[in-house]
Amino acid sequence: MFRVLCLDGGGILGTFTASVLSDFEVQTGKPISESFDLIVGTSTGGILALGLGLEFSATDLLDFYRTRGPTIFPHTSRFARTRASLRQLFAPKLDSDPLRIELSGILHDRKLAEATTRLVIPTYDAVEGRTFLFKTAHSPSLVHDADLLAVDVALATSAAPTYFRASEARQLTGSQYVDGGVWANNPSMVGLVEAAKFLAQPISEIAILSIGTTTTTTTIAQHEHSGALQWNVGLINLLMRGQSESATSQAKLLLGERYHRIDHVAPESMFSMDDGRVDKIEKLIALGRNQARKIANKTPVFDIFLNGEVARKFKPIQ
């Protein structure tokens, strides 16, 4: 079985994802990356995918979210939050410098070529106006990204519109990228296509573990007569959620029981992708741990993905 790990976008909500992965590592006593032939991650999921591919443990990555999350997504006074929300109508809400500084603190100058697991990181090329994927050199045609800094790839996939400014890969002068979540917030279909088309795996032998960043049961009926100002960033969230639901349904139809999705439905307004308060982060950690221990998740995950079989060695093409 060719096993693919797909990780959603969602800002600080990636704490939930990291917690799920960390608890699985605790249960197995082995690094998560050893069990997967391909890891695909968007935005915060891209940061996690890069970390796993560069041999950080999921527990190390969870600690990063727990300790550095409040710095990247600071919870300021009510006045400051209101001002930031108003600014978001005309400019990015957050400064991306703290994110770059904190990512540089753990990734340093490491390159995509150093990954020991195949990686695919969705982003959007703002200059050419097209979807774009950063990839490890796991195919003869995929050698162009190898020397890119992991920090730049992480920033490119997580530059969420209205939250952070577009990001540039420093080795690609003039480049601009925005969050891959604008088209692949749930990258399940990206992972399936990569495995089937570029890695020549029969669909009957592909299995995908998809992990979300929590979702909510919300209605948009109140926007029946809304314009752009009333929708604000709610429109972006709606588009990302719609894409995620579509990707889940499509992958499930194609893979059946070989597709497993882990997520948690939270009350509306309980969490936000830019709310880095310590108590919120701890709640996300608890929710992730609980999902990793549910029999409904443990049984298929341990039967298919964490069954003791080590993934085939990845050898980058030079």
C-alpha atoms as a PDB file:
ATOM      1  CA  MET A   1       0.000   0.000   0.000  1.00  0.00           C
ATOM      2  CA  PHE A   2       1.276   3.465  -0.960  1.00  0.00           C
ATOM      3  CA  ARG A   3       0.396   5.611   2.056  1.00  0.00           C
ATOM      4  CA  VAL A   4      -0.182   9.358   1.807  1.00  0.00           C
ATOM      5  CA  LEU A   5      -0.550  11.827   4.682  1.00  0.00           C
ATOM      6  CA  CYS A   6      -2.549  14.970   3.811  1.00  0.00           C
ATOM      7  CA  LEU A   7      -2.635  17.931   6.195  1.00  0.00           C
ATOM      8  CA  ASP A   8      -5.090  20.834   5.989  1.00  0.00           C
ATOM      9  CA  GLY A   9      -4.420  24.545   6.309  1.00  0.00           C
ATOM     10  CA  GLY A  10      -5.767  26.682   9.147  1.00  0.00           C
ATOM     11  CA  GLY A  11      -3.216  28.909  10.884  1.00  0.00           C
ATOM     12  CA  ILE A  12      -2.858  28.276  14.600  1.00  0.00           C
ATOM     13  CA  LEU A  13      -5.542  25.585  14.243  1.00  0.00           C
ATOM     14  CA  GLY A  14      -2.694  23.412  12.982  1.00  0.00           C
ATOM     15  CA  THR A  15      -2.085  22.813  16.680  1.00  0.00           C
ATOM     16  CA  PHE A  16      -4.943  20.310  16.493  1.00  0.00           C
ATOM     17  CA  THR A  17      -3.250  18.490  13.607  1.00  0.00           C
ATOM     18  CA  ALA A  18       0.118  18.449  15.363  1.00  0.00           C
ATOM     19  CA  SER A  19      -1.521  17.059  18.493  1.00  0.00           C
ATOM     20  CA  VAL A  20      -3.145  14.199  16.562  1.00  0.00           C
ATOM     21  CA  LEU A  21       0.187  13.290  14.965  1.00  0.00           C
ATOM     22  CA  SER A  22       2.107  13.648  18.220  1.00  0.00           C
ATOM     23  CA  ASP A  23      -0.228  11.313  20.060  1.00  0.00           C
ATOM     24  CA  PHE A  24       0.052   8.727  17.306  1.00  0.00           C
ATOM     25  CA  GLU A  25       3.823   8.913  17.733  1.00  0.00           C
ATOM     26  CA  VAL A  26       3.445   8.389  21.458  1.00  0.00           C
ATOM     27  CA  GLN A  27       1.230   5.359  20.852  1.00  0.00           C
ATOM     28  CA  THR A  28       3.586   3.749  18.322  1.00  0.00           C
ATOM     29  CA  GLY A  29       6.929   4.949  19.672  1.00  0.00           C
ATOM     30  CA  LYS A  30       7.993   5.712  16.098  1.00  0.00           C
ATOM     31  CA  PRO A  31       8.267   8.865  13.944  1.00  0.00           C
ATOM     32  CA  ILE A  32       5.138   9.465  11.881  1.00  0.00           C
ATOM     33  CA  SER A  33       7.163  10.139   8.741  1.00  0.00           C
ATOM     34  CA  GLU A  34       8.464   6.540   8.686  1.00  0.00           C
ATOM     35  CA  SER A  35       4.976   5.257   7.885  1.00  0.00           C
ATOM     36  CA  PHE A  36       4.197   7.430   4.842  1.00  0.00           C
ATOM     37  CA  ASP A  37       5.478   7.367   1.275  1.00  0.00           C
ATOM     38  CA  LEU A  38       4.248  10.912   0.569  1.00  0.00           C
ATOM     39  CA  ILE A  39       3.261  13.858   2.757  1.00  0.00           C
ATOM     40  CA  VAL A  40       1.174  16.721   1.361  1.00  0.00           C
ATOM     41  CA  GLY A  41       0.442  19.833   3.396  1.00  0.00           C
ATOM     42  CA  THR A  42      -1.156  23.216   2.770  1.00  0.00           C
ATOM     43  CA  SER A  43      -0.461  26.390   4.762  1.00  0.00           C
ATOM     44  CA  THR A  44      -0.047  25.371   8.412  1.00  0.00           C
ATOM     45  CA  GLY A  45      -0.250  21.786   7.146  1.00  0.00           C
ATOM     46  CA  GLY A  46       2.615  22.643   4.807  1.00  0.00           C
ATOM     47  CA  ILE A  47       4.704  23.782   7.753  1.00  0.00           C
ATOM     48  CA  LEU A  48       3.987  20.475   9.473  1.00  0.00           C
ATOM     49  CA  ALA A  49       4.744  18.500   6.289  1.00  0.00           C
ATOM     50  CA  LEU A  50       8.088  20.256   5.886  1.00  0.00           C
ATOM     51  CA  GLY A  51       8.951  19.605   9.521  1.00  0.00           C
ATOM     52  CA  LEU A  52       8.097  15.919   9.262  1.00  0.00           C
ATOM     53  CA  GLY A  53       9.986  15.597   5.985  1.00  0.00           C
ATOM     54  CA  LEU A  54      13.049  17.162   7.591  1.00  0.00           C
ATOM     55  CA  GLU A  55      12.860  14.559  10.385  1.00  0.00           C
ATOM     56  CA  PHE A  56      11.387  16.640  13.175  1.00  0.00           C
ATOM     57  CA  SER A  57       9.147  14.559  15.395  1.00  0.00           C
ATOM     58  CA  ALA A  58       5.471  15.481  15.563  1.00  0.00           C
ATOM     59  CA  THR A  59       6.029  16.161  19.271  1.00  0.00           C
ATOM     60  CA  ASP A  60       8.728  18.710  18.397  1.00  0.00           C
ATOM     61  CA  LEU A  61       6.326  20.403  15.998  1.00  0.00           C
ATOM     62  CA  LEU A  62       3.533  20.416  18.564  1.00  0.00           C
ATOM     63  CA  ASP A  63       5.888  22.097  21.005  1.00  0.00           C
ATOM     64  CA  PHE A  64       6.595  24.737  18.334  1.00  0.00           C
ATOM     65  CA  TYR A  65       2.889  25.542  18.037  1.00  0.00           C
ATOM     66  CA  ARG A  66       2.430  25.562  21.793  1.00  0.00           C
ATOM     67  CA  THR A  67       5.374  27.830  22.588  1.00  0.00           C
ATOM     68  CA  ARG A  68       5.648  30.027  19.489  1.00  0.00           C
ATOM     69  CA  GLY A  69       1.984  30.213  18.479  1.00  0.00           C
ATOM     70  CA  PRO A  70       1.181  33.108  20.835  1.00  0.00           C
ATOM     71  CA  THR A  71       4.048  35.112  19.297  1.00  0.00           C
ATOM     72  CA  ILE A  72       3.010  34.448  15.702  1.00  0.00           C
ATOM     73  CA  PHE A  73      -0.681  35.033  16.410  1.00  0.00           C
ATOM     74  CA  PRO A  74      -0.699  37.471  19.353  1.00  0.00           C
ATOM     75  CA  HIS A  75      -3.926  38.108  21.209  1.00  0.00           C
ATOM     76  CA  THR A  76      -3.905  41.831  21.919  1.00  0.00           C
ATOM     77  CA  SER A  77      -6.396  44.167  23.579  1.00  0.00           C
ATOM     78  CA  ARG A  78      -9.950  44.384  22.297  1.00  0.00           C
ATOM     79  CA  PHE A  79      -9.202  47.819  20.832  1.00  0.00           C
ATOM     80  CA  ALA A  80      -6.138  46.489  18.996  1.00  0.00           C
ATOM     81  CA  ARG A  81      -8.088  43.514  17.645  1.00  0.00           C
ATOM     82  CA  THR A  82     -10.861  45.783  16.392  1.00  0.00           C
ATOM     83  CA  ARG A  83      -8.325  48.035  14.718  1.00  0.00           C
ATOM     84  CA  ALA A  84      -6.630  45.026  13.107  1.00  0.00           C
ATOM     85  CA  SER A  85      -9.973  43.745  11.821  1.00  0.00           C
ATOM     86  CA  LEU A  86     -10.710  47.125  10.256  1.00  0.00           C
ATOM     87  CA  ARG A  87      -7.242  47.243   8.731  1.00  0.00           C
ATOM     88  CA  GLN A  88      -7.919  43.798   7.251  1.00  0.00           C
ATOM     89  CA  LEU A  89     -10.433  45.445   4.912  1.00  0.00           C
ATOM     90  CA  PHE A  90      -7.594  47.320   3.209  1.00  0.00           C
ATOM     91  CA  ALA A  91      -4.322  45.541   4.110  1.00  0.00           C
ATOM     92  CA  PRO A  92      -3.022  42.320   5.684  1.00  0.00           C
ATOM     93  CA  LYS A  93      -4.204  41.909   9.258  1.00  0.00           C
ATOM     94  CA  LEU A  94      -0.946  40.465  10.614  1.00  0.00           C
ATOM     95  CA  ASP A  95       2.774  41.122  10.307  1.00  0.00           C
ATOM     96  CA  SER A  96       4.483  38.115   8.725  1.00  0.00           C
ATOM     97  CA  ASP A  97       7.884  38.915  10.254  1.00  0.00           C
ATOM     98  CA  PRO A  98       7.209  36.992  13.507  1.00  0.00           C
ATOM     99  CA  LEU A  99       6.269  33.918  11.468  1.00  0.00           C
ATOM    100  CA  ARG A 100       9.472  34.140   9.423  1.00  0.00           C
ATOM    101  CA  ILE A 101      11.591  34.662  12.533  1.00  0.00           C
ATOM    102  CA  GLU A 102      10.073  31.721  14.396  1.00  0.00           C
ATOM    103  CA  LEU A 103      10.271  29.394  11.384  1.00  0.00           C
ATOM    104  CA  SER A 104      13.879  30.405  10.786  1.00  0.00           C
ATOM    105  CA  GLY A 105      14.589  29.558  14.407  1.00  0.00           C
ATOM    106  CA  ILE A 106      13.835  25.872  13.811  1.00  0.00           C
ATOM    107  CA  LEU A 107      14.393  25.374  10.075  1.00  0.00           C
ATOM    108  CA  HIS A 108      17.495  27.576   9.805  1.00  0.00           C
ATOM    109  CA  ASP A 109      18.972  27.305   6.277  1.00  0.00           C
ATOM    110  CA  ARG A 110      17.764  23.802   5.546  1.00  0.00           C
ATOM    111  CA  LYS A 111      16.636  23.103   2.001  1.00  0.00           C
ATOM    112  CA  LEU A 112      13.832  21.124   0.451  1.00  0.00           C
ATOM    113  CA  ALA A 113      16.468  18.737  -0.919  1.00  0.00           C
ATOM    114  CA  GLU A 114      17.197  17.586   2.645  1.00  0.00           C
ATOM    115  CA  ALA A 115      13.750  16.043   3.092  1.00  0.00           C
ATOM    116  CA  THR A 116      13.800  12.292   3.698  1.00  0.00           C
ATOM    117  CA  THR A 117      10.157  11.861   2.693  1.00  0.00           C
ATOM    118  CA  ARG A 118       8.486  12.861  -0.565  1.00  0.00           C
ATOM    119  CA  LEU A 119       6.747  16.206  -0.102  1.00  0.00           C
ATOM    120  CA  VAL A 120       4.183  18.247  -2.021  1.00  0.00           C
ATOM    121  CA  ILE A 121       3.361  21.759  -0.767  1.00  0.00           C
ATOM    122  CA  PRO A 122       0.507  23.660  -2.501  1.00  0.00           C
ATOM    123  CA  THR A 123       0.684  27.428  -2.962  1.00  0.00           C
ATOM    124  CA  TYR A 124      -0.567  29.965  -5.501  1.00  0.00           C
ATOM    125  CA  ASP A 125       1.724  31.845  -7.869  1.00  0.00           C
ATOM    126  CA  ALA A 126       0.473  35.441  -7.669  1.00  0.00           C
ATOM    127  CA  VAL A 127       2.692  36.679 -10.510  1.00  0.00           C
ATOM    128  CA  GLU A 128       1.448  34.251 -13.160  1.00  0.00           C
ATOM    129  CA  GLY A 129      -1.960  33.756 -11.571  1.00  0.00           C
ATOM    130  CA  ARG A 130      -1.834  29.974 -11.363  1.00  0.00           C
ATOM    131  CA  THR A 131      -1.905  27.123  -8.889  1.00  0.00           C
ATOM    132  CA  PHE A 132       1.569  25.957  -7.950  1.00  0.00           C
ATOM    133  CA  LEU A 133       3.143  23.025  -6.107  1.00  0.00           C
ATOM    134  CA  PHE A 134       6.551  22.891  -4.458  1.00  0.00           C
ATOM    135  CA  LYS A 135       7.866  19.324  -4.611  1.00  0.00           C
ATOM    136  CA  THR A 136      10.806  17.224  -3.579  1.00  0.00           C
ATOM    137  CA  ALA A 137      12.778  15.650  -6.435  1.00  0.00           C
ATOM    138  CA  HIS A 138      10.781  12.433  -6.571  1.00  0.00           C
ATOM    139  CA  SER A 139      10.457  12.463 -10.358  1.00  0.00           C
ATOM    140  CA  PRO A 140      12.934  13.361 -13.133  1.00  0.00           C
ATOM    141  CA  SER A 141      10.947  16.502 -13.966  1.00  0.00           C
ATOM    142  CA  LEU A 142      10.842  17.679 -10.343  1.00  0.00           C
ATOM    143  CA  VAL A 143      14.344  18.904  -9.626  1.00  0.00           C
ATOM    144  CA  HIS A 144      13.812  22.670  -9.764  1.00  0.00           C
ATOM    145  CA  ASP A 145      12.727  23.195  -6.137  1.00  0.00           C
ATOM    146  CA  ALA A 146      15.457  21.169  -4.466  1.00  0.00           C
ATOM    147  CA  ASP A 147      17.647  24.121  -3.443  1.00  0.00           C
ATOM    148  CA  LEU A 148      14.820  26.293  -2.127  1.00  0.00           C
ATOM    149  CA  LEU A 149      14.947  27.122   1.565  1.00  0.00           C
ATOM    150  CA  ALA A 150      12.332  25.291   3.607  1.00  0.00           C
ATOM    151  CA  VAL A 151      11.517  28.581   5.365  1.00  0.00           C
ATOM    152  CA  ASP A 152      10.596  30.223   2.064  1.00  0.00           C
ATOM    153  CA  VAL A 153       8.444  27.282   1.008  1.00  0.00           C
ATOM    154  CA  ALA A 154       6.691  27.368   4.391  1.00  0.00           C
ATOM    155  CA  LEU A 155       6.007  31.102   4.083  1.00  0.00           C
ATOM    156  CA  ALA A 156       4.798  30.747   0.494  1.00  0.00           C
ATOM    157  CA  THR A 157       2.176  28.136   1.349  1.00  0.00           C
ATOM    158  CA  SER A 158       0.959  30.000   4.461  1.00  0.00           C
ATOM    159  CA  ALA A 159       0.610  33.591   3.175  1.00  0.00           C
ATOM    160  CA  ALA A 160      -3.148  33.654   3.718  1.00  0.00           C
ATOM    161  CA  PRO A 161      -4.831  36.532   1.820  1.00  0.00           C
ATOM    162  CA  THR A 162      -6.001  39.352   4.126  1.00  0.00           C
ATOM    163  CA  TYR A 163      -3.971  37.842   7.003  1.00  0.00           C
ATOM    164  CA  PHE A 164      -0.375  37.957   5.665  1.00  0.00           C
ATOM    165  CA  ARG A 165       1.263  39.721   2.732  1.00  0.00           C
ATOM    166  CA  ALA A 166       2.311  37.661  -0.291  1.00  0.00           C
ATOM    167  CA  SER A 167       5.619  35.865   0.203  1.00  0.00           C
ATOM    168  CA  GLU A 168       8.729  35.700  -1.979  1.00  0.00           C
ATOM    169  CA  ALA A 169      11.085  32.760  -2.403  1.00  0.00           C
ATOM    170  CA  ARG A 170      14.409  34.545  -2.019  1.00  0.00           C
ATOM    171  CA  GLN A 171      16.136  32.429  -4.672  1.00  0.00           C
ATOM    172  CA  LEU A 172      13.390  33.254  -7.177  1.00  0.00           C
ATOM    173  CA  THR A 173      13.705  37.021  -7.554  1.00  0.00           C
ATOM    174  CA  GLY A 174      10.402  38.748  -8.198  1.00  0.00           C
ATOM    175  CA  SER A 175       8.283  35.777  -7.155  1.00  0.00           C
ATOM    176  CA  GLN A 176       5.103  36.194  -5.112  1.00  0.00           C
ATOM    177  CA  TYR A 177       3.089  33.416  -3.552  1.00  0.00           C
ATOM    178  CA  VAL A 178      -0.095  33.298  -1.505  1.00  0.00           C
ATOM    179  CA  ASP A 179      -1.616  30.593   0.654  1.00  0.00           C
ATOM    180  CA  GLY A 180      -2.266  27.262  -1.043  1.00  0.00           C
ATOM    181  CA  GLY A 181      -5.549  27.211   0.853  1.00  0.00           C
ATOM    182  CA  VAL A 182      -7.123  29.386  -1.841  1.00  0.00           C
ATOM    183  CA  TRP A 183      -7.399  26.224  -3.950  1.00  0.00           C
ATOM    184  CA  ALA A 184      -6.263  23.216  -1.896  1.00  0.00           C
ATOM    185  CA  ASN A 185      -6.887  23.865   1.789  1.00  0.00           C
ATOM    186  CA  ASN A 186      -7.635  20.167   2.097  1.00  0.00           C
ATOM    187  CA  PRO A 187      -4.959  18.672  -0.184  1.00  0.00           C
ATOM    188  CA  SER A 188      -6.382  15.154  -0.347  1.00  0.00           C
ATOM    189  CA  MET A 189      -6.934  15.235  -4.109  1.00  0.00           C
ATOM    190  CA  VAL A 190      -3.500  16.798  -4.608  1.00  0.00           C
ATOM    191  CA  GLY A 191      -1.997  13.808  -2.817  1.00  0.00           C
ATOM    192  CA  LEU A 192      -4.078  11.309  -4.771  1.00  0.00           C
ATOM    193  CA  VAL A 193      -3.159  12.820  -8.148  1.00  0.00           C
ATOM    194  CA  GLU A 194       0.528  13.032  -7.199  1.00  0.00           C
ATOM    195  CA  ALA A 195       0.620   9.386  -6.182  1.00  0.00           C
ATOM    196  CA  ALA A 196      -1.299   8.145  -9.223  1.00  0.00           C
ATOM    197  CA  LYS A 197       0.106  10.372 -11.964  1.00  0.00           C
ATOM    198  CA  PHE A 198       3.657  11.332 -10.959  1.00  0.00           C
ATOM    199  CA  LEU A 199       4.535   8.300  -8.845  1.00  0.00           C
ATOM    200  CA  ALA A 200       2.716   5.749 -11.001  1.00  0.00           C
ATOM    201  CA  GLN A 201       0.804   4.109  -8.176  1.00  0.00           C
ATOM    202  CA  PRO A 202      -2.410   2.207  -9.018  1.00  0.00           C
ATOM    203  CA  ILE A 203      -5.368   3.872  -7.323  1.00  0.00           C
ATOM    204  CA  SER A 204      -6.252   0.476  -5.862  1.00  0.00           C
ATOM    205  CA  GLU A 205      -2.987   0.576  -3.885  1.00  0.00           C
ATOM    206  CA  ILE A 206      -3.185   4.161  -2.592  1.00  0.00           C
ATOM    207  CA  ALA A 207      -4.358   4.947   0.949  1.00  0.00           C
ATOM    208  CA  ILE A 208      -4.763   8.475   2.338  1.00  0.00           C
ATOM    209  CA  LEU A 209      -4.891   9.679   5.929  1.00  0.00           C
ATOM    210  CA  SER A 210      -6.316  13.209   5.919  1.00  0.00           C
ATOM    211  CA  ILE A 211      -6.216  15.395   9.035  1.00  0.00           C
ATOM    212  CA  GLY A 212      -8.139  18.647   9.375  1.00  0.00           C
ATOM    213  CA  THR A 213      -7.761  21.647  11.650  1.00  0.00           C
ATOM    214  CA  THR A 214     -11.273  21.539  13.176  1.00  0.00           C
ATOM    215  CA  THR A 215     -14.396  22.873  11.530  1.00  0.00           C
ATOM    216  CA  THR A 216     -17.696  24.389  12.630  1.00  0.00           C
ATOM    217  CA  THR A 217     -21.342  23.866  11.806  1.00  0.00           C
ATOM    218  CA  THR A 218     -22.318  27.284  10.524  1.00  0.00           C
ATOM    219  CA  THR A 219     -25.024  28.792   8.366  1.00  0.00           C
ATOM    220  CA  ILE A 220     -24.524  31.550   5.810  1.00  0.00           C
ATOM    221  CA  ALA A 221     -28.206  32.349   5.456  1.00  0.00           C
ATOM    222  CA  GLN A 222     -27.587  35.772   6.993  1.00  0.00           C
ATOM    223  CA  HIS A 223     -25.603  36.733   3.891  1.00  0.00           C
ATOM    224  CA  GLU A 224     -28.543  36.440   1.525  1.00  0.00           C
ATOM    225  CA  HIS A 225     -28.280  40.130   0.619  1.00  0.00           C
ATOM    226  CA  SER A 226     -24.672  40.781   1.680  1.00  0.00           C
ATOM    227  CA  GLY A 227     -22.084  42.583  -0.391  1.00  0.00           C
ATOM    228  CA  ALA A 228     -18.317  42.361  -0.187  1.00  0.00           C
ATOM    229  CA  LEU A 229     -18.077  44.495   2.963  1.00  0.00           C
ATOM    230  CA  GLN A 230     -20.591  42.398   4.890  1.00  0.00           C
ATOM    231  CA  TRP A 231     -18.965  39.133   3.810  1.00  0.00           C
ATOM    232  CA  ASN A 232     -15.457  40.399   4.662  1.00  0.00           C
ATOM    233  CA  VAL A 233     -13.087  37.450   5.327  1.00  0.00           C
ATOM    234  CA  GLY A 234     -16.092  35.178   5.823  1.00  0.00           C
ATOM    235  CA  LEU A 235     -16.158  34.697   2.066  1.00  0.00           C
ATOM    236  CA  ILE A 236     -12.581  33.379   2.058  1.00  0.00           C
ATOM    237  CA  ASN A 237     -13.402  30.991   4.900  1.00  0.00           C
ATOM    238  CA  LEU A 238     -16.473  29.769   3.006  1.00  0.00           C
ATOM    239  CA  LEU A 239     -14.489  29.059  -0.158  1.00  0.00           C
ATOM    240  CA  MET A 240     -11.823  27.162   1.795  1.00  0.00           C
ATOM    241  CA  ARG A 241     -14.440  25.122   3.604  1.00  0.00           C
ATOM    242  CA  GLY A 242     -16.281  24.309   0.378  1.00  0.00           C
ATOM    243  CA  GLN A 243     -13.061  23.117  -1.249  1.00  0.00           C
ATOM    244  CA  SER A 244     -12.251  20.975   1.771  1.00  0.00           C
ATOM    245  CA  GLU A 245     -15.628  19.264   1.765  1.00  0.00           C
ATOM    246  CA  SER A 246     -15.379  18.643  -1.980  1.00  0.00           C
ATOM    247  CA  ALA A 247     -11.888  17.127  -1.707  1.00  0.00           C
ATOM    248  CA  THR A 248     -13.012  14.828   1.091  1.00  0.00           C
ATOM    249  CA  SER A 249     -16.022  13.592  -0.857  1.00  0.00           C
ATOM    250  CA  GLN A 250     -14.068  13.036  -4.064  1.00  0.00           C
ATOM    251  CA  ALA A 251     -11.217  11.170  -2.375  1.00  0.00           C
ATOM    252  CA  LYS A 252     -13.665   9.034  -0.414  1.00  0.00           C
ATOM    253  CA  LEU A 253     -15.529   8.105  -3.590  1.00  0.00           C
ATOM    254  CA  LEU A 254     -12.303   7.032  -5.295  1.00  0.00           C
ATOM    255  CA  LEU A 255     -10.603   5.263  -2.386  1.00  0.00           C
ATOM    256  CA  GLY A 256     -13.447   4.038  -0.207  1.00  0.00           C
ATOM    257  CA  GLU A 257     -12.169   2.603   3.084  1.00  0.00           C
ATOM    258  CA  ARG A 258      -8.603   3.462   2.093  1.00  0.00           C
ATOM    259  CA  TYR A 259      -9.417   7.108   2.765  1.00  0.00           C
ATOM    260  CA  HIS A 260      -9.713   8.145   6.388  1.00  0.00           C
ATOM    261  CA  ARG A 261     -10.395  11.672   7.597  1.00  0.00           C
ATOM    262  CA  ILE A 262      -9.766  12.928  11.143  1.00  0.00           C
ATOM    263  CA  ASP A 263     -11.310  16.220  12.212  1.00  0.00           C
ATOM    264  CA  HIS A 264     -13.383  17.750  14.977  1.00  0.00           C
ATOM    265  CA  VAL A 265     -16.551  19.828  14.750  1.00  0.00           C
ATOM    266  CA  ALA A 266     -16.277  22.713  17.230  1.00  0.00           C
ATOM    267  CA  PRO A 267     -18.913  25.248  18.293  1.00  0.00           C
ATOM    268  CA  GLU A 268     -19.065  28.345  16.123  1.00  0.00           C
ATOM    269  CA  SER A 269     -16.591  31.078  17.182  1.00  0.00           C
ATOM    270  CA  MET A 270     -14.781  28.765  19.608  1.00  0.00           C
ATOM    271  CA  PHE A 271     -11.563  28.909  17.579  1.00  0.00           C
ATOM    272  CA  SER A 272     -10.047  31.185  14.979  1.00  0.00           C
ATOM    273  CA  MET A 273      -7.065  30.633  12.693  1.00  0.00           C
ATOM    274  CA  ASP A 274      -5.339  33.719  14.151  1.00  0.00           C
ATOM    275  CA  ASP A 275      -6.284  33.365  17.819  1.00  0.00           C
ATOM    276  CA  GLY A 276      -3.073  32.320  19.561  1.00  0.00           C
ATOM    277  CA  ARG A 277      -4.241  32.560  23.151  1.00  0.00           C
ATOM    278  CA  VAL A 278      -2.645  29.951  25.390  1.00  0.00           C
ATOM    279  CA  ASP A 279      -5.976  28.555  26.603  1.00  0.00           C
ATOM    280  CA  LYS A 280      -7.200  28.114  23.019  1.00  0.00           C
ATOM    281  CA  ILE A 281      -3.988  26.332  22.051  1.00  0.00           C
ATOM    282  CA  GLU A 282      -4.310  23.961  25.015  1.00  0.00           C
ATOM    283  CA  LYS A 283      -7.900  23.155  24.062  1.00  0.00           C
ATOM    284  CA  LEU A 284      -6.811  22.370  20.503  1.00  0.00           C
ATOM    285  CA  ILE A 285      -4.116  20.060  21.891  1.00  0.00           C
ATOM    286  CA  ALA A 286      -6.663  18.239  24.053  1.00  0.00           C
ATOM    287  CA  LEU A 287      -9.074  17.845  21.139  1.00  0.00           C
ATOM    288  CA  GLY A 288      -6.346  16.462  18.889  1.00  0.00           C
ATOM    289  CA  ARG A 289      -5.217  13.994  21.554  1.00  0.00           C
ATOM    290  CA  ASN A 290      -8.809  12.831  22.032  1.00  0.00           C
ATOM    291  CA  GLN A 291      -9.304  12.248  18.303  1.00  0.00           C
ATOM    292  CA  ALA A 292      -6.083  10.223  18.119  1.00  0.00           C
ATOM    293  CA  ARG A 293      -7.377   7.918  20.861  1.00  0.00           C
ATOM    294  CA  LYS A 294     -10.903   7.370  19.562  1.00  0.00           C
ATOM    295  CA  ILE A 295     -11.506   3.792  18.472  1.00  0.00           C
ATOM    296  CA  ALA A 296     -13.218   5.097  15.324  1.00  0.00           C
ATOM    297  CA  ASN A 297      -9.889   6.637  14.323  1.00  0.00           C
ATOM    298  CA  LYS A 298      -7.403   4.254  15.934  1.00  0.00           C
ATOM    299  CA  THR A 299      -8.755   1.131  14.259  1.00  0.00           C
ATOM    300  CA  PRO A 300      -8.443   2.247  10.607  1.00  0.00           C
ATOM    301  CA  VAL A 301      -5.274   4.281  11.235  1.00  0.00           C
ATOM    302  CA  PHE A 302      -3.419   1.411  12.890  1.00  0.00           C
ATOM    303  CA  ASP A 303      -4.752  -1.167  10.439  1.00  0.00           C
ATOM    304  CA  ILE A 304      -3.742   0.740   7.313  1.00  0.00           C
ATOM    305  CA  PHE A 305      -1.216   3.450   8.121  1.00  0.00           C
ATOM    306  CA  LEU A 306       0.564   2.731  11.407  1.00  0.00           C
ATOM    307  CA  ASN A 307       0.707  -1.054  11.158  1.00  0.00           C
ATOM    308  CA  GLY A 308       4.457  -1.367  11.620  1.00  0.00           C
ATOM    309  CA  GLU A 309       5.305  -1.404   7.915  1.00  0.00           C
ATOM    310  CA  VAL A 310       8.004   1.168   7.178  1.00  0.00           C
ATOM    311  CA  ALA A 311       7.537   3.268   4.046  1.00  0.00           C
ATOM    312  CA  ARG A 312       9.847   2.671   1.123  1.00  0.00           C
ATOM    313  CA  LYS A 313      13.041   4.702   1.228  1.00  0.00           C
ATOM    314  CA  PHE A 314      12.941   7.999  -0.618  1.00  0.00           C
ATOM    315  CA  LYS A 315      15.965   8.746  -2.795  1.00  0.00           C
ATOM    316  CA  PRO A 316      15.869  12.238  -4.357  1.00  0.00           C
ATOM    317  CA  ILE A 317      16.718  12.393  -8.037  1.00  0.00           C
ATOM    318  CA  GLN A 318      19.888  14.394  -8.549  1.00  0.00           C
END
